Amino acid sequence: MAALGLPGACVQYPLMPDHLYPRQLELPQAAVCWLRRQAPGFGVDPTRIGAVGGSAGGHLVALLGTVGRQNL
C-alpha cells in the first residue's frame, strides 16, 4: 500500500488467555479513534480509513465493521 502512496498503521491486539473478549476489539477501536483524531496532521481524510487483517486480525476487522460509528 505504501508503494501506492497510501499511509498505513499496524495495530496490535492482546491475546487470550491473558485478555478476554471484548478487550481484543477495544484496542483496535481505540486505534481507529486515534487515527481519526490524528488524520489531518498526516494529510489523511478521517472519513476514509480502511482496515485489513488476516486470521484473527481479519475477524477483528470484520467486528470493527459491525460496531456502530458512535463507538469509533
N, C-alpha and C. Protein backbone atom coordinates (compact mmCIF):
# COMPACT_ATOMS: atom_id res chain seq x y z
N MET A 1 0.83 -1.18 0.00
CA MET A 1 0.00 0.00 0.00
C MET A 1 0.87 1.25 0.00
N ALA A 2 2.01 1.18 0.68
CA ALA A 2 2.90 2.34 0.72
C ALA A 2 3.38 2.70 -0.68
N ALA A 3 3.62 1.70 -1.52
CA ALA A 3 4.06 1.95 -2.89
C ALA A 3 3.00 2.71 -3.68
N LEU A 4 1.75 2.59 -3.27
CA LEU A 4 0.65 3.30 -3.93
C LEU A 4 0.40 4.67 -3.30
N GLY A 5 1.21 5.02 -2.30
CA GLY A 5 1.04 6.31 -1.65
C GLY A 5 -0.02 6.31 -0.56
N LEU A 6 -0.41 5.13 -0.11
CA LEU A 6 -1.42 5.02 0.94
C LEU A 6 -0.73 4.84 2.28
N PRO A 7 -1.01 5.71 3.25
CA PRO A 7 -0.39 5.55 4.56
C PRO A 7 -0.94 4.31 5.26
N GLY A 8 -0.18 3.78 6.18
CA GLY A 8 -0.63 2.59 6.90
C GLY A 8 -0.22 2.65 8.35
N ALA A 9 -0.88 1.85 9.14
CA ALA A 9 -0.56 1.70 10.56
C ALA A 9 -0.76 0.24 10.92
N CYS A 10 0.08 -0.27 11.77
CA CYS A 10 -0.03 -1.64 12.24
C CYS A 10 -0.49 -1.61 13.69
N VAL A 11 -1.60 -2.25 13.94
CA VAL A 11 -2.20 -2.23 15.28
C VAL A 11 -2.12 -3.63 15.87
N GLN A 12 -1.60 -3.72 17.06
CA GLN A 12 -1.54 -5.00 17.78
C GLN A 12 -2.77 -5.13 18.68
N TYR A 13 -3.07 -6.34 19.05
CA TYR A 13 -4.18 -6.58 19.96
C TYR A 13 -3.74 -7.63 20.98
N PRO A 14 -4.32 -7.60 22.18
CA PRO A 14 -3.92 -8.55 23.23
C PRO A 14 -4.46 -9.94 22.94
N LEU A 15 -3.75 -10.93 23.40
CA LEU A 15 -4.11 -12.32 23.13
C LEU A 15 -4.72 -12.99 24.36
N MET A 16 -5.48 -14.02 24.09
CA MET A 16 -6.03 -14.87 25.14
C MET A 16 -4.89 -15.78 25.61
N PRO A 17 -4.90 -16.34 26.75
CA PRO A 17 -5.95 -16.27 27.76
C PRO A 17 -5.78 -15.10 28.71
N ASP A 18 -4.71 -14.31 28.54
CA ASP A 18 -4.49 -13.20 29.48
C ASP A 18 -5.53 -12.10 29.36
N HIS A 19 -6.11 -11.95 28.19
CA HIS A 19 -7.09 -10.90 27.94
C HIS A 19 -8.33 -11.53 27.30
N LEU A 20 -9.46 -11.33 27.92
CA LEU A 20 -10.70 -11.91 27.42
C LEU A 20 -11.45 -10.91 26.55
N TYR A 21 -12.28 -11.47 25.64
CA TYR A 21 -13.13 -10.63 24.81
C TYR A 21 -14.02 -9.80 25.73
N PRO A 22 -14.21 -8.54 25.46
CA PRO A 22 -14.00 -7.79 24.22
C PRO A 22 -12.70 -6.99 24.18
N ARG A 23 -11.75 -7.28 25.06
CA ARG A 23 -10.51 -6.49 25.07
C ARG A 23 -9.81 -6.51 23.71
N GLN A 24 -9.86 -7.63 23.01
CA GLN A 24 -9.21 -7.71 21.69
C GLN A 24 -9.79 -6.70 20.71
N LEU A 25 -11.04 -6.37 20.84
CA LEU A 25 -11.68 -5.40 19.95
C LEU A 25 -11.51 -3.97 20.44
N GLU A 26 -11.42 -3.78 21.73
CA GLU A 26 -11.33 -2.43 22.29
C GLU A 26 -10.06 -1.70 21.84
N LEU A 27 -8.95 -2.40 21.77
CA LEU A 27 -7.71 -1.72 21.37
C LEU A 27 -7.71 -1.32 19.89
N PRO A 28 -8.15 -2.18 18.95
CA PRO A 28 -8.27 -1.70 17.57
C PRO A 28 -9.27 -0.54 17.44
N GLN A 29 -10.37 -0.57 18.21
CA GLN A 29 -11.31 0.55 18.19
C GLN A 29 -10.61 1.83 18.65
N ALA A 30 -9.83 1.73 19.70
CA ALA A 30 -9.11 2.90 20.20
C ALA A 30 -8.11 3.39 19.16
N ALA A 31 -7.50 2.47 18.43
CA ALA A 31 -6.55 2.87 17.38
C ALA A 31 -7.26 3.63 16.27
N VAL A 32 -8.45 3.19 15.88
CA VAL A 32 -9.21 3.90 14.85
C VAL A 32 -9.56 5.30 15.33
N CYS A 33 -9.98 5.42 16.58
CA CYS A 33 -10.29 6.74 17.15
C CYS A 33 -9.07 7.64 17.10
N TRP A 34 -7.93 7.10 17.50
CA TRP A 34 -6.68 7.88 17.49
C TRP A 34 -6.32 8.29 16.07
N LEU A 35 -6.42 7.35 15.13
CA LEU A 35 -6.10 7.67 13.74
C LEU A 35 -7.01 8.77 13.20
N ARG A 36 -8.28 8.71 13.53
CA ARG A 36 -9.21 9.76 13.06
C ARG A 36 -8.86 11.12 13.63
N ARG A 37 -8.47 11.16 14.91
CA ARG A 37 -8.09 12.44 15.51
C ARG A 37 -6.79 12.97 14.91
N GLN A 38 -5.87 12.09 14.58
CA GLN A 38 -4.56 12.49 14.07
C GLN A 38 -4.53 12.65 12.55
N ALA A 39 -5.57 12.20 11.87
CA ALA A 39 -5.59 12.15 10.41
C ALA A 39 -5.21 13.47 9.74
N PRO A 40 -5.76 14.61 10.15
CA PRO A 40 -5.39 15.85 9.46
C PRO A 40 -3.89 16.13 9.50
N GLY A 41 -3.24 15.80 10.60
CA GLY A 41 -1.80 16.01 10.71
C GLY A 41 -1.01 15.11 9.79
N PHE A 42 -1.59 13.99 9.40
CA PHE A 42 -0.95 13.06 8.46
C PHE A 42 -1.38 13.31 7.02
N GLY A 43 -2.28 14.28 6.82
CA GLY A 43 -2.79 14.54 5.48
C GLY A 43 -3.75 13.45 5.01
N VAL A 44 -4.48 12.86 5.95
CA VAL A 44 -5.39 11.76 5.66
C VAL A 44 -6.82 12.21 5.93
N ASP A 45 -7.74 11.77 5.08
CA ASP A 45 -9.16 12.05 5.28
C ASP A 45 -9.67 11.12 6.39
N PRO A 46 -10.10 11.66 7.54
CA PRO A 46 -10.53 10.81 8.65
C PRO A 46 -11.79 10.00 8.36
N THR A 47 -12.50 10.31 7.28
CA THR A 47 -13.69 9.54 6.93
C THR A 47 -13.38 8.41 5.98
N ARG A 48 -12.09 8.29 5.59
CA ARG A 48 -11.70 7.25 4.62
C ARG A 48 -10.56 6.40 5.18
N ILE A 49 -10.81 5.77 6.31
CA ILE A 49 -9.84 4.89 6.94
C ILE A 49 -10.33 3.46 6.77
N GLY A 50 -9.50 2.63 6.21
CA GLY A 50 -9.85 1.23 6.00
C GLY A 50 -9.08 0.34 6.96
N ALA A 51 -9.46 -0.91 7.00
CA ALA A 51 -8.78 -1.87 7.87
C ALA A 51 -8.70 -3.21 7.16
N VAL A 52 -7.58 -3.88 7.30
CA VAL A 52 -7.39 -5.22 6.75
C VAL A 52 -6.73 -6.08 7.82
N GLY A 53 -6.91 -7.36 7.71
CA GLY A 53 -6.27 -8.27 8.65
C GLY A 53 -6.42 -9.70 8.17
N GLY A 54 -5.58 -10.55 8.69
CA GLY A 54 -5.64 -11.96 8.35
C GLY A 54 -5.89 -12.79 9.60
N SER A 55 -6.56 -13.89 9.45
CA SER A 55 -6.84 -14.81 10.54
C SER A 55 -7.60 -14.07 11.65
N ALA A 56 -7.08 -14.09 12.87
CA ALA A 56 -7.78 -13.41 13.98
C ALA A 56 -7.89 -11.92 13.71
N GLY A 57 -6.86 -11.33 13.08
CA GLY A 57 -6.92 -9.91 12.72
C GLY A 57 -8.04 -9.63 11.73
N GLY A 58 -8.28 -10.54 10.81
CA GLY A 58 -9.39 -10.40 9.87
C GLY A 58 -10.72 -10.45 10.58
N HIS A 59 -10.81 -11.31 11.59
CA HIS A 59 -12.03 -11.39 12.38
C HIS A 59 -12.27 -10.08 13.13
N LEU A 60 -11.21 -9.50 13.68
CA LEU A 60 -11.35 -8.22 14.38
C LEU A 60 -11.74 -7.11 13.41
N VAL A 61 -11.21 -7.14 12.19
CA VAL A 61 -11.59 -6.15 11.18
C VAL A 61 -13.08 -6.27 10.87
N ALA A 62 -13.56 -7.50 10.75
CA ALA A 62 -14.99 -7.71 10.49
C ALA A 62 -15.83 -7.18 11.65
N LEU A 63 -15.36 -7.39 12.87
CA LEU A 63 -16.08 -6.85 14.03
C LEU A 63 -16.05 -5.33 14.03
N LEU A 64 -14.92 -4.73 13.64
CA LEU A 64 -14.87 -3.26 13.56
C LEU A 64 -15.95 -2.75 12.61
N GLY A 65 -16.19 -3.51 11.55
CA GLY A 65 -17.19 -3.11 10.56
C GLY A 65 -18.62 -3.28 11.03
N THR A 66 -18.81 -3.98 12.14
CA THR A 66 -20.18 -4.22 12.61
C THR A 66 -20.57 -3.37 13.82
N VAL A 67 -19.60 -2.75 14.46
CA VAL A 67 -19.93 -1.89 15.60
C VAL A 67 -20.40 -0.54 15.09
N GLY A 68 -21.23 0.12 15.85
CA GLY A 68 -21.73 1.42 15.43
C GLY A 68 -20.64 2.48 15.41
N ARG A 69 -20.79 3.46 14.54
CA ARG A 69 -19.81 4.54 14.44
C ARG A 69 -19.68 5.33 15.73
N GLN A 70 -20.71 5.32 16.56
CA GLN A 70 -20.62 6.05 17.82
C GLN A 70 -19.51 5.48 18.69
N ASN A 71 -19.15 4.22 18.46
CA ASN A 71 -18.08 3.60 19.22
C ASN A 71 -16.70 3.94 18.65
N LEU A 72 -16.64 4.49 17.48
CA LEU A 72 -15.38 4.83 16.84
C LEU A 72 -15.27 6.33 16.74
